[in-house]
N, C-alpha and C. Protein backbone atom coordinates (compact mmCIF):
# COMPACT_ATOMS: atom_id res chain seq x y z
N MET A 1 126.83 -89.96 -46.31
CA MET A 1 125.60 -90.70 -46.51
C MET A 1 125.88 -92.16 -46.82
N LEU A 2 126.83 -92.42 -47.69
CA LEU A 2 127.16 -93.79 -48.07
C LEU A 2 128.38 -94.25 -47.30
N ASP A 3 128.37 -95.49 -46.87
CA ASP A 3 129.50 -95.97 -46.10
C ASP A 3 130.68 -96.32 -47.01
N LYS A 4 131.82 -96.58 -46.39
CA LYS A 4 133.05 -96.82 -47.13
C LYS A 4 132.96 -98.04 -48.03
N ALA A 5 132.23 -99.07 -47.63
CA ALA A 5 132.08 -100.26 -48.46
C ALA A 5 131.41 -99.91 -49.80
N VAL A 6 130.50 -98.96 -49.76
CA VAL A 6 129.83 -98.53 -51.00
C VAL A 6 130.77 -97.67 -51.82
N THR A 7 131.38 -96.67 -51.20
CA THR A 7 132.22 -95.75 -51.95
C THR A 7 133.47 -96.43 -52.51
N ASP A 8 133.92 -97.50 -51.89
CA ASP A 8 135.06 -98.26 -52.42
C ASP A 8 134.67 -99.09 -53.64
N ASN A 9 133.39 -99.38 -53.78
CA ASN A 9 132.92 -100.30 -54.82
C ASN A 9 131.98 -99.67 -55.84
N ALA A 10 131.81 -98.37 -55.78
CA ALA A 10 130.95 -97.66 -56.73
C ALA A 10 131.56 -96.30 -57.00
N GLN A 11 131.65 -95.94 -58.28
CA GLN A 11 132.25 -94.66 -58.66
C GLN A 11 131.42 -93.97 -59.73
N PRO A 12 131.23 -92.67 -59.60
CA PRO A 12 130.57 -91.92 -60.68
C PRO A 12 131.49 -91.91 -61.90
N MET A 13 130.93 -92.18 -63.07
CA MET A 13 131.75 -92.25 -64.28
C MET A 13 131.41 -91.19 -65.31
N ALA A 14 130.17 -90.74 -65.33
CA ALA A 14 129.79 -89.75 -66.34
C ALA A 14 128.56 -88.99 -65.88
N LEU A 15 128.48 -87.77 -66.35
CA LEU A 15 127.30 -86.94 -66.13
C LEU A 15 126.86 -86.46 -67.50
N LYS A 16 125.69 -86.88 -67.90
CA LYS A 16 125.16 -86.47 -69.20
C LYS A 16 123.83 -85.78 -68.95
N GLY A 17 123.82 -84.48 -69.16
CA GLY A 17 122.62 -83.72 -68.83
C GLY A 17 122.40 -83.80 -67.33
N ALA A 18 121.25 -84.31 -66.95
CA ALA A 18 120.91 -84.44 -65.53
C ALA A 18 120.99 -85.88 -65.05
N THR A 19 121.64 -86.75 -65.87
CA THR A 19 121.74 -88.17 -65.52
C THR A 19 123.17 -88.50 -65.13
N LEU A 20 123.32 -89.08 -63.95
CA LEU A 20 124.62 -89.49 -63.43
C LEU A 20 124.77 -91.00 -63.62
N LEU A 21 125.85 -91.43 -64.26
CA LEU A 21 126.15 -92.85 -64.44
C LEU A 21 127.13 -93.27 -63.35
N ILE A 22 126.76 -94.30 -62.62
CA ILE A 22 127.62 -94.84 -61.57
C ILE A 22 127.95 -96.29 -61.92
N ILE A 23 129.25 -96.61 -61.91
CA ILE A 23 129.70 -97.98 -62.14
C ILE A 23 129.87 -98.63 -60.78
N VAL A 24 129.31 -99.83 -60.64
CA VAL A 24 129.32 -100.56 -59.37
C VAL A 24 130.00 -101.91 -59.61
N LYS A 25 130.90 -102.29 -58.72
CA LYS A 25 131.69 -103.50 -58.92
C LYS A 25 130.91 -104.81 -58.79
N SER A 26 129.80 -104.82 -58.05
CA SER A 26 129.07 -106.08 -57.88
C SER A 26 127.58 -105.90 -58.17
N SER A 27 126.99 -106.94 -58.71
CA SER A 27 125.56 -106.88 -59.02
C SER A 27 124.72 -106.80 -57.75
N THR A 28 125.22 -107.39 -56.68
CA THR A 28 124.49 -107.33 -55.40
C THR A 28 124.41 -105.89 -54.90
N LEU A 29 125.52 -105.18 -54.96
CA LEU A 29 125.54 -103.78 -54.53
C LEU A 29 124.71 -102.91 -55.47
N THR A 30 124.77 -103.21 -56.77
CA THR A 30 123.94 -102.48 -57.74
C THR A 30 122.47 -102.60 -57.35
N HIS A 31 122.06 -103.80 -57.03
CA HIS A 31 120.67 -104.05 -56.64
C HIS A 31 120.32 -103.26 -55.38
N GLN A 32 121.20 -103.26 -54.39
CA GLN A 32 120.94 -102.54 -53.14
C GLN A 32 120.84 -101.03 -53.38
N LEU A 33 121.70 -100.51 -54.24
CA LEU A 33 121.70 -99.07 -54.49
C LEU A 33 120.44 -98.62 -55.23
N ARG A 34 119.84 -99.50 -56.00
CA ARG A 34 118.61 -99.13 -56.71
C ARG A 34 117.51 -98.70 -55.73
N PHE A 35 117.53 -99.24 -54.52
CA PHE A 35 116.51 -98.90 -53.53
C PHE A 35 116.71 -97.50 -52.94
N ILE A 36 117.92 -96.95 -53.05
CA ILE A 36 118.18 -95.65 -52.42
C ILE A 36 118.61 -94.57 -53.42
N THR A 37 118.33 -94.79 -54.70
CA THR A 37 118.76 -93.79 -55.70
C THR A 37 118.14 -92.42 -55.45
N LYS A 38 116.88 -92.38 -55.05
CA LYS A 38 116.26 -91.08 -54.78
C LYS A 38 116.96 -90.36 -53.64
N ASP A 39 117.35 -91.11 -52.60
CA ASP A 39 118.07 -90.51 -51.48
C ASP A 39 119.45 -90.00 -51.92
N ILE A 40 120.12 -90.75 -52.79
CA ILE A 40 121.43 -90.33 -53.29
C ILE A 40 121.29 -89.04 -54.11
N ILE A 41 120.29 -88.99 -54.97
CA ILE A 41 120.05 -87.80 -55.78
C ILE A 41 119.81 -86.58 -54.89
N GLN A 42 118.97 -86.75 -53.88
CA GLN A 42 118.68 -85.64 -52.97
C GLN A 42 119.94 -85.18 -52.24
N ALA A 43 120.75 -86.12 -51.79
CA ALA A 43 121.97 -85.77 -51.06
C ALA A 43 122.97 -85.04 -51.96
N ILE A 44 123.12 -85.50 -53.20
CA ILE A 44 124.03 -84.82 -54.14
C ILE A 44 123.54 -83.41 -54.41
N ASN A 45 122.27 -83.26 -54.71
CA ASN A 45 121.71 -81.95 -55.02
C ASN A 45 121.79 -81.02 -53.82
N ARG A 46 121.53 -81.55 -52.64
CA ARG A 46 121.63 -80.73 -51.43
C ARG A 46 123.07 -80.31 -51.20
N GLY A 47 124.01 -81.23 -51.41
CA GLY A 47 125.42 -80.94 -51.19
C GLY A 47 125.98 -79.93 -52.17
N THR A 48 125.47 -79.91 -53.39
CA THR A 48 125.96 -78.97 -54.39
C THR A 48 125.18 -77.66 -54.39
N GLY A 49 124.02 -77.67 -53.74
CA GLY A 49 123.19 -76.47 -53.72
C GLY A 49 122.42 -76.25 -55.00
N ARG A 50 122.42 -77.26 -55.87
CA ARG A 50 121.71 -77.16 -57.15
C ARG A 50 120.91 -78.43 -57.36
N HIS A 51 119.91 -78.34 -58.20
CA HIS A 51 119.12 -79.53 -58.53
C HIS A 51 119.56 -80.02 -59.91
N GLN A 52 120.83 -80.38 -59.99
CA GLN A 52 121.43 -80.77 -61.26
C GLN A 52 121.11 -82.21 -61.63
N ILE A 53 121.09 -83.12 -60.65
CA ILE A 53 120.88 -84.54 -60.92
C ILE A 53 119.40 -84.87 -60.76
N THR A 54 118.83 -85.49 -61.79
CA THR A 54 117.43 -85.93 -61.71
C THR A 54 117.31 -87.45 -61.86
N GLU A 55 118.39 -88.08 -62.34
CA GLU A 55 118.34 -89.53 -62.55
C GLU A 55 119.73 -90.12 -62.33
N ILE A 56 119.74 -91.33 -61.79
CA ILE A 56 120.98 -92.08 -61.66
C ILE A 56 120.81 -93.40 -62.39
N LYS A 57 121.80 -93.72 -63.21
CA LYS A 57 121.84 -95.02 -63.86
C LYS A 57 122.99 -95.80 -63.26
N LEU A 58 122.69 -97.01 -62.82
CA LEU A 58 123.69 -97.88 -62.20
C LEU A 58 124.06 -98.97 -63.19
N LYS A 59 125.36 -99.21 -63.33
CA LYS A 59 125.84 -100.24 -64.23
C LYS A 59 126.89 -101.07 -63.49
N THR A 60 126.75 -102.38 -63.55
CA THR A 60 127.73 -103.26 -62.93
C THR A 60 128.93 -103.38 -63.86
N GLY A 61 130.12 -103.19 -63.32
CA GLY A 61 131.34 -103.28 -64.12
C GLY A 61 132.55 -103.04 -63.24
N SER A 62 133.66 -102.76 -63.87
CA SER A 62 134.88 -102.47 -63.10
C SER A 62 135.41 -101.11 -63.48
N PHE A 63 136.19 -100.55 -62.57
CA PHE A 63 136.79 -99.24 -62.82
C PHE A 63 138.20 -99.23 -62.30
């Protein structure tokens, strides 16, 4: 679903309850990902076969 430029610059860092924290290397990419968070949630839940993720929090930083 996400291209290599995104996966190289964004990494899941924590799962707390149903909230997934993703660290993103650039504020520009963080902003772009905010528009597709619902699609990301649906893809993760579909891929795992469970509706575990209900929210994604994006934070700009390094990993």
